[in-house]
N, C-alpha and C. Protein backbone atom coordinates (compact mmCIF):
# COMPACT_ATOMS: atom_id res chain seq x y z
N MET A 1 201.24 -55.02 123.63
CA MET A 1 200.24 -54.12 123.12
C MET A 1 199.52 -53.50 124.30
N LYS A 2 199.41 -52.21 124.25
CA LYS A 2 198.77 -51.47 125.33
C LYS A 2 197.25 -51.47 125.13
N LYS A 3 196.53 -51.82 126.22
CA LYS A 3 195.08 -51.87 126.15
C LYS A 3 194.52 -50.45 126.29
N LYS A 4 193.59 -50.13 125.41
CA LYS A 4 192.98 -48.82 125.40
C LYS A 4 191.99 -48.72 126.56
N GLN A 5 192.11 -47.68 127.36
CA GLN A 5 191.17 -47.51 128.48
C GLN A 5 189.91 -46.80 128.01
N ARG A 6 188.81 -47.33 128.45
CA ARG A 6 187.54 -46.71 128.11
C ARG A 6 187.22 -45.60 129.09
N SER A 7 186.58 -44.60 128.56
CA SER A 7 186.11 -43.55 129.46
C SER A 7 184.87 -44.07 130.19
N PRO A 8 184.68 -43.65 131.42
CA PRO A 8 183.51 -44.16 132.16
C PRO A 8 182.22 -43.71 131.47
N ARG A 9 181.37 -44.70 131.27
CA ARG A 9 180.08 -44.40 130.62
C ARG A 9 179.13 -43.81 131.65
N PRO A 10 178.29 -42.92 131.22
CA PRO A 10 177.31 -42.36 132.17
C PRO A 10 176.30 -43.44 132.55
N LEU A 11 175.89 -43.40 133.79
CA LEU A 11 174.90 -44.34 134.28
C LEU A 11 173.50 -43.79 134.03
N ALA A 12 172.56 -44.69 133.80
CA ALA A 12 171.18 -44.27 133.62
C ALA A 12 170.64 -43.78 134.97
N PRO A 13 169.98 -42.63 134.98
CA PRO A 13 169.45 -42.13 136.25
C PRO A 13 168.34 -43.04 136.78
N ASP A 14 168.24 -43.14 138.08
CA ASP A 14 167.21 -43.96 138.68
C ASP A 14 166.44 -43.13 139.71
N LEU A 15 165.61 -43.80 140.49
CA LEU A 15 164.77 -43.07 141.45
C LEU A 15 165.57 -42.46 142.59
N GLN A 16 166.83 -42.88 142.77
CA GLN A 16 167.66 -42.23 143.78
C GLN A 16 168.23 -40.92 143.25
N THR A 17 168.27 -40.79 141.93
CA THR A 17 168.79 -39.56 141.33
C THR A 17 167.68 -38.52 141.21
N TYR A 18 166.51 -38.95 140.74
CA TYR A 18 165.39 -38.04 140.53
C TYR A 18 164.31 -38.27 141.57
N ARG A 19 163.73 -37.19 142.06
CA ARG A 19 162.60 -37.27 142.96
C ARG A 19 161.37 -37.58 142.12
N PRO A 20 160.57 -38.59 142.51
CA PRO A 20 159.37 -38.92 141.72
C PRO A 20 158.41 -37.73 141.67
N THR A 21 157.89 -37.48 140.49
CA THR A 21 156.93 -36.39 140.31
C THR A 21 155.61 -36.99 139.84
N LEU A 22 154.59 -36.17 139.81
CA LEU A 22 153.29 -36.62 139.33
C LEU A 22 153.38 -37.04 137.87
N THR A 23 154.12 -36.30 137.08
CA THR A 23 154.27 -36.63 135.66
C THR A 23 154.93 -38.00 135.50
N MET A 24 155.95 -38.27 136.27
CA MET A 24 156.64 -39.55 136.22
C MET A 24 155.70 -40.68 136.64
N THR A 25 154.95 -40.46 137.70
CA THR A 25 154.02 -41.46 138.20
C THR A 25 152.92 -41.74 137.18
N MET A 26 152.37 -40.70 136.58
CA MET A 26 151.30 -40.89 135.61
C MET A 26 151.82 -41.55 134.33
N SER A 27 153.09 -41.35 134.02
CA SER A 27 153.66 -42.05 132.88
C SER A 27 153.72 -43.55 133.15
N ILE A 28 154.07 -43.91 134.37
CA ILE A 28 154.08 -45.32 134.77
C ILE A 28 152.65 -45.87 134.77
N VAL A 29 151.70 -45.09 135.28
CA VAL A 29 150.30 -45.53 135.30
C VAL A 29 149.77 -45.70 133.88
N HIS A 30 150.21 -44.83 132.96
CA HIS A 30 149.79 -44.96 131.56
C HIS A 30 150.23 -46.31 130.99
N ARG A 31 151.45 -46.70 131.30
CA ARG A 31 151.94 -48.00 130.84
C ARG A 31 151.16 -49.14 131.51
N ALA A 32 150.89 -49.00 132.81
CA ALA A 32 150.16 -50.04 133.54
C ALA A 32 148.73 -50.19 133.01
N THR A 33 148.08 -49.07 132.68
CA THR A 33 146.73 -49.18 132.13
C THR A 33 146.76 -49.83 130.75
N GLY A 34 147.81 -49.59 130.00
CA GLY A 34 147.94 -50.26 128.71
C GLY A 34 148.03 -51.76 128.87
N ILE A 35 148.79 -52.21 129.86
CA ILE A 35 148.89 -53.64 130.15
C ILE A 35 147.55 -54.18 130.63
N ALA A 36 146.89 -53.45 131.53
CA ALA A 36 145.60 -53.89 132.07
C ALA A 36 144.54 -53.99 130.97
N LEU A 37 144.63 -53.14 129.97
CA LEU A 37 143.65 -53.18 128.88
C LEU A 37 143.74 -54.47 128.08
N TYR A 38 144.92 -55.08 128.00
CA TYR A 38 145.02 -56.38 127.33
C TYR A 38 144.10 -57.38 128.00
N PHE A 39 144.18 -57.44 129.33
CA PHE A 39 143.36 -58.40 130.08
C PHE A 39 141.88 -58.02 130.02
N GLY A 40 141.58 -56.73 130.07
CA GLY A 40 140.20 -56.28 129.98
C GLY A 40 139.57 -56.63 128.64
N PHE A 41 140.35 -56.51 127.58
CA PHE A 41 139.81 -56.85 126.27
C PHE A 41 139.67 -58.36 126.07
N ILE A 42 140.44 -59.14 126.81
CA ILE A 42 140.21 -60.59 126.80
C ILE A 42 138.84 -60.88 127.43
N GLY A 43 138.54 -60.18 128.53
CA GLY A 43 137.21 -60.31 129.14
C GLY A 43 136.10 -59.85 128.21
N MET A 44 136.36 -58.77 127.48
CA MET A 44 135.36 -58.27 126.54
C MET A 44 135.15 -59.28 125.40
N ALA A 45 136.22 -59.89 124.94
CA ALA A 45 136.11 -60.92 123.89
C ALA A 45 135.33 -62.12 124.42
N ALA A 46 135.55 -62.48 125.68
CA ALA A 46 134.79 -63.60 126.28
C ALA A 46 133.32 -63.25 126.36
N TRP A 47 133.02 -62.00 126.70
CA TRP A 47 131.62 -61.55 126.77
C TRP A 47 130.98 -61.62 125.38
N LEU A 48 131.69 -61.17 124.36
CA LEU A 48 131.16 -61.24 122.99
C LEU A 48 130.99 -62.68 122.52
N ALA A 49 131.92 -63.56 122.89
CA ALA A 49 131.79 -64.97 122.53
C ALA A 49 130.58 -65.59 123.21
N ALA A 50 130.35 -65.22 124.47
CA ALA A 50 129.17 -65.72 125.18
C ALA A 50 127.89 -65.19 124.54
N LEU A 51 127.91 -63.95 124.09
CA LEU A 51 126.76 -63.36 123.42
C LEU A 51 126.45 -64.12 122.13
N ALA A 52 127.49 -64.49 121.41
CA ALA A 52 127.30 -65.23 120.16
C ALA A 52 126.91 -66.69 120.41
N ALA A 53 127.28 -67.22 121.57
CA ALA A 53 127.04 -68.64 121.84
C ALA A 53 125.60 -68.94 122.25
N GLY A 54 124.87 -67.93 122.67
CA GLY A 54 123.47 -68.19 123.01
C GLY A 54 123.09 -67.65 124.38
N PRO A 55 121.82 -67.84 124.75
CA PRO A 55 121.30 -67.25 125.98
C PRO A 55 121.95 -67.80 127.26
N ARG A 56 122.20 -69.08 127.33
CA ARG A 56 122.76 -69.65 128.56
C ARG A 56 124.18 -69.15 128.85
N PRO A 57 125.12 -69.22 127.90
CA PRO A 57 126.46 -68.68 128.17
C PRO A 57 126.43 -67.16 128.44
N TYR A 58 125.55 -66.46 127.72
CA TYR A 58 125.46 -65.02 127.95
C TYR A 58 124.97 -64.72 129.36
N GLU A 59 124.00 -65.47 129.84
CA GLU A 59 123.48 -65.26 131.20
C GLU A 59 124.56 -65.54 132.24
N MET A 60 125.37 -66.56 131.99
CA MET A 60 126.48 -66.85 132.91
C MET A 60 127.47 -65.68 132.94
N MET A 61 127.81 -65.15 131.78
CA MET A 61 128.73 -64.02 131.72
C MET A 61 128.12 -62.78 132.38
N ARG A 62 126.84 -62.58 132.16
CA ARG A 62 126.16 -61.43 132.77
C ARG A 62 126.21 -61.53 134.29
N GLN A 63 126.04 -62.73 134.81
CA GLN A 63 126.11 -62.91 136.25
C GLN A 63 127.52 -62.67 136.78
N VAL A 64 128.52 -63.10 136.02
CA VAL A 64 129.91 -62.88 136.44
C VAL A 64 130.23 -61.39 136.47
N PHE A 65 129.94 -60.70 135.36
CA PHE A 65 130.28 -59.28 135.29
C PHE A 65 129.39 -58.41 136.17
N GLY A 66 128.19 -58.86 136.48
CA GLY A 66 127.28 -58.09 137.33
C GLY A 66 127.41 -58.43 138.80
N SER A 67 128.34 -59.31 139.17
CA SER A 67 128.50 -59.72 140.56
C SER A 67 129.26 -58.65 141.36
N TRP A 68 129.36 -58.90 142.65
CA TRP A 68 130.08 -57.96 143.52
C TRP A 68 131.57 -57.90 143.15
N ALA A 69 132.11 -58.97 142.58
CA ALA A 69 133.51 -58.97 142.16
C ALA A 69 133.68 -58.43 140.74
N GLY A 70 132.68 -58.66 139.89
CA GLY A 70 132.79 -58.24 138.50
C GLY A 70 132.58 -56.76 138.29
N LEU A 71 131.70 -56.16 139.08
CA LEU A 71 131.39 -54.74 138.90
C LEU A 71 132.60 -53.83 139.13
N PRO A 72 133.38 -54.02 140.22
CA PRO A 72 134.58 -53.18 140.36
C PRO A 72 135.58 -53.38 139.23
N ILE A 73 135.64 -54.59 138.69
CA ILE A 73 136.54 -54.83 137.56
C ILE A 73 136.08 -54.05 136.34
N LEU A 74 134.76 -54.02 136.09
CA LEU A 74 134.24 -53.24 134.96
C LEU A 74 134.47 -51.74 135.16
N ILE A 75 134.30 -51.28 136.39
CA ILE A 75 134.53 -49.85 136.67
C ILE A 75 136.01 -49.52 136.47
N ALA A 76 136.89 -50.38 136.95
CA ALA A 76 138.34 -50.15 136.77
C ALA A 76 138.72 -50.21 135.29
N PHE A 77 138.09 -51.13 134.55
CA PHE A 77 138.35 -51.24 133.11
C PHE A 77 137.92 -49.96 132.39
N THR A 78 136.77 -49.43 132.79
CA THR A 78 136.29 -48.17 132.20
C THR A 78 137.28 -47.05 132.47
N TRP A 79 137.73 -46.95 133.73
CA TRP A 79 138.69 -45.91 134.06
C TRP A 79 140.00 -46.12 133.29
N ALA A 80 140.46 -47.38 133.18
CA ALA A 80 141.72 -47.65 132.48
C ALA A 80 141.64 -47.22 131.02
N ILE A 81 140.51 -47.50 130.37
CA ILE A 81 140.34 -47.08 128.97
C ILE A 81 140.43 -45.56 128.86
N LEU A 82 139.69 -44.87 129.73
CA LEU A 82 139.66 -43.41 129.66
C LEU A 82 141.01 -42.81 130.05
N HIS A 83 141.65 -43.34 131.08
CA HIS A 83 142.94 -42.80 131.50
C HIS A 83 143.99 -43.02 130.41
N HIS A 84 143.96 -44.19 129.79
CA HIS A 84 144.93 -44.47 128.72
C HIS A 84 144.67 -43.57 127.52
N ALA A 85 143.41 -43.32 127.22
CA ALA A 85 143.08 -42.44 126.09
C ALA A 85 143.52 -41.00 126.38
N PHE A 86 143.21 -40.50 127.57
CA PHE A 86 143.62 -39.14 127.91
C PHE A 86 145.15 -39.04 128.01
N GLY A 87 145.79 -40.11 128.50
CA GLY A 87 147.26 -40.13 128.53
C GLY A 87 147.84 -40.10 127.13
N GLY A 88 147.18 -40.79 126.19
CA GLY A 88 147.62 -40.75 124.80
C GLY A 88 147.50 -39.36 124.21
N ILE A 89 146.42 -38.67 124.55
CA ILE A 89 146.25 -37.28 124.09
C ILE A 89 147.33 -36.39 124.69
N ARG A 90 147.64 -36.63 125.98
CA ARG A 90 148.70 -35.85 126.63
C ARG A 90 150.03 -36.07 125.91
N HIS A 91 150.33 -37.32 125.57
CA HIS A 91 151.57 -37.60 124.85
C HIS A 91 151.56 -37.00 123.44
N LEU A 92 150.41 -36.98 122.80
CA LEU A 92 150.30 -36.33 121.50
C LEU A 92 150.60 -34.84 121.62
N ILE A 93 150.07 -34.21 122.65
CA ILE A 93 150.36 -32.78 122.88
C ILE A 93 151.86 -32.58 123.09
N TRP A 94 152.47 -33.46 123.86
CA TRP A 94 153.92 -33.34 124.06
C TRP A 94 154.68 -33.60 122.77
N ASP A 95 154.19 -34.50 121.93
CA ASP A 95 154.85 -34.75 120.64
C ASP A 95 154.79 -33.53 119.74
N LEU A 96 153.80 -32.69 119.95
CA LEU A 96 153.70 -31.44 119.19
C LEU A 96 154.53 -30.33 119.81
N SER A 97 155.34 -30.70 120.81
CA SER A 97 156.22 -29.76 121.53
C SER A 97 155.44 -28.67 122.24
N ILE A 98 154.34 -29.07 122.84
CA ILE A 98 153.52 -28.15 123.63
C ILE A 98 153.53 -28.65 125.07
N ALA A 99 153.57 -27.72 126.02
CA ALA A 99 153.45 -27.99 127.46
C ALA A 99 154.60 -28.84 128.00
N HIS A 100 155.82 -28.56 127.56
CA HIS A 100 156.97 -29.29 128.09
C HIS A 100 157.58 -28.63 129.32
N THR A 101 157.31 -27.35 129.53
CA THR A 101 157.93 -26.65 130.64
C THR A 101 157.24 -27.00 131.95
N TYR A 102 157.92 -26.70 133.06
CA TYR A 102 157.51 -27.18 134.37
C TYR A 102 156.04 -27.00 134.74
N PRO A 103 155.51 -25.81 134.84
CA PRO A 103 154.15 -25.81 135.38
C PRO A 103 153.14 -26.43 134.42
N TRP A 104 153.36 -26.30 133.12
CA TRP A 104 152.37 -26.78 132.16
C TRP A 104 152.31 -28.29 132.07
N ARG A 105 153.46 -28.95 132.17
CA ARG A 105 153.42 -30.42 132.11
C ARG A 105 152.73 -30.99 133.34
N GLU A 106 152.87 -30.33 134.50
CA GLU A 106 152.17 -30.78 135.70
C GLU A 106 150.66 -30.52 135.57
N TYR A 107 150.29 -29.37 135.02
CA TYR A 107 148.86 -29.08 134.82
C TYR A 107 148.23 -30.10 133.89
N LEU A 108 148.91 -30.39 132.80
CA LEU A 108 148.39 -31.33 131.81
C LEU A 108 148.25 -32.74 132.42
N THR A 109 149.18 -33.10 133.27
CA THR A 109 149.11 -34.39 133.94
C THR A 109 147.93 -34.44 134.90
N LYS A 110 147.71 -33.38 135.64
CA LYS A 110 146.57 -33.32 136.56
C LYS A 110 145.25 -33.35 135.80
N VAL A 111 145.20 -32.67 134.67
CA VAL A 111 143.98 -32.68 133.85
C VAL A 111 143.70 -34.10 133.35
N THR A 112 144.74 -34.82 132.96
CA THR A 112 144.58 -36.20 132.50
C THR A 112 143.97 -37.06 133.59
N LEU A 113 144.50 -36.95 134.80
CA LEU A 113 144.02 -37.76 135.91
C LEU A 113 142.58 -37.38 136.28
N VAL A 114 142.32 -36.10 136.42
CA VAL A 114 140.98 -35.65 136.82
C VAL A 114 139.96 -35.98 135.73
N ALA A 115 140.30 -35.76 134.47
CA ALA A 115 139.36 -36.03 133.38
C ALA A 115 139.00 -37.51 133.32
N SER A 116 139.98 -38.39 133.52
CA SER A 116 139.67 -39.82 133.47
C SER A 116 138.78 -40.23 134.64
N LEU A 117 139.03 -39.71 135.82
CA LEU A 117 138.20 -40.03 136.98
C LEU A 117 136.79 -39.48 136.83
N VAL A 118 136.68 -38.23 136.38
CA VAL A 118 135.36 -37.60 136.22
C VAL A 118 134.56 -38.31 135.13
N CYS A 119 135.17 -38.57 133.99
CA CYS A 119 134.44 -39.21 132.89
C CYS A 119 134.01 -40.63 133.24
N ALA A 120 134.87 -41.39 133.91
CA ALA A 120 134.49 -42.74 134.33
C ALA A 120 133.36 -42.69 135.35
N SER A 121 133.44 -41.76 136.28
CA SER A 121 132.36 -41.61 137.28
C SER A 121 131.06 -41.21 136.62
N LEU A 122 131.11 -40.25 135.72
CA LEU A 122 129.89 -39.81 135.03
C LEU A 122 129.28 -40.94 134.20
N PHE A 123 130.10 -41.74 133.57
CA PHE A 123 129.60 -42.86 132.78
C PHE A 123 128.81 -43.83 133.66
N TRP A 124 129.40 -44.22 134.80
CA TRP A 124 128.73 -45.20 135.66
C TRP A 124 127.53 -44.59 136.38
N ILE A 125 127.59 -43.32 136.74
CA ILE A 125 126.42 -42.66 137.33
C ILE A 125 125.29 -42.63 136.33
N ALA A 126 125.59 -42.25 135.09
CA ALA A 126 124.56 -42.22 134.05
C ALA A 126 124.00 -43.61 133.77
N LEU A 127 124.85 -44.62 133.78
CA LEU A 127 124.39 -45.98 133.53
C LEU A 127 123.41 -46.44 134.60
N PHE A 128 123.77 -46.22 135.86
CA PHE A 128 122.88 -46.66 136.94
C PHE A 128 121.64 -45.78 137.06
N TRP A 129 121.79 -44.48 136.76
CA TRP A 129 120.66 -43.57 136.87
C TRP A 129 119.59 -43.88 135.83
N THR A 130 120.02 -44.29 134.65
CA THR A 130 119.05 -44.61 133.60
C THR A 130 118.52 -46.04 133.71
N GLY A 131 118.91 -46.73 134.76
CA GLY A 131 118.41 -48.07 134.98
C GLY A 131 119.18 -49.13 134.23
N GLY A 132 120.29 -48.75 133.65
CA GLY A 132 121.10 -49.73 132.92
C GLY A 132 121.81 -50.65 133.88
N ARG A 133 122.18 -51.80 133.37
CA ARG A 133 122.94 -52.76 134.16
C ARG A 133 124.17 -53.14 133.36
N PRO A 134 125.28 -53.41 134.05
CA PRO A 134 126.45 -53.88 133.32
C PRO A 134 126.16 -55.21 132.67
N SER A 135 126.77 -55.44 131.54
CA SER A 135 126.65 -56.64 130.71
C SER A 135 125.31 -56.62 130.08
């Protein structure tokens, strides 16, 4: 019996085939922020549990999140939420078959990045300017 020869299957393209673009990078960052949000929401749940547990656990959590190590984590968490949200809006626009061509998809990607950075910065500036404290 003669064995049937298979035609060579196409290989999945990799980074050696395609030059990395901003759109590709921001798509990876969108996935990474989604993963980071899982851990951030665990921290948020711990903060809420401490709030429900009483003044002493809440004060401990407030000190952790307000420390020199906790504050950058809160700022990064804020940016991750906003970047993931704006990335979701960008994907929704693409799902509507808008901005798929070359210059527009790059513009939309840049707007996503800039909007998340600006909104996160404005949030923390407003928080500190009004005398607010994290936690």
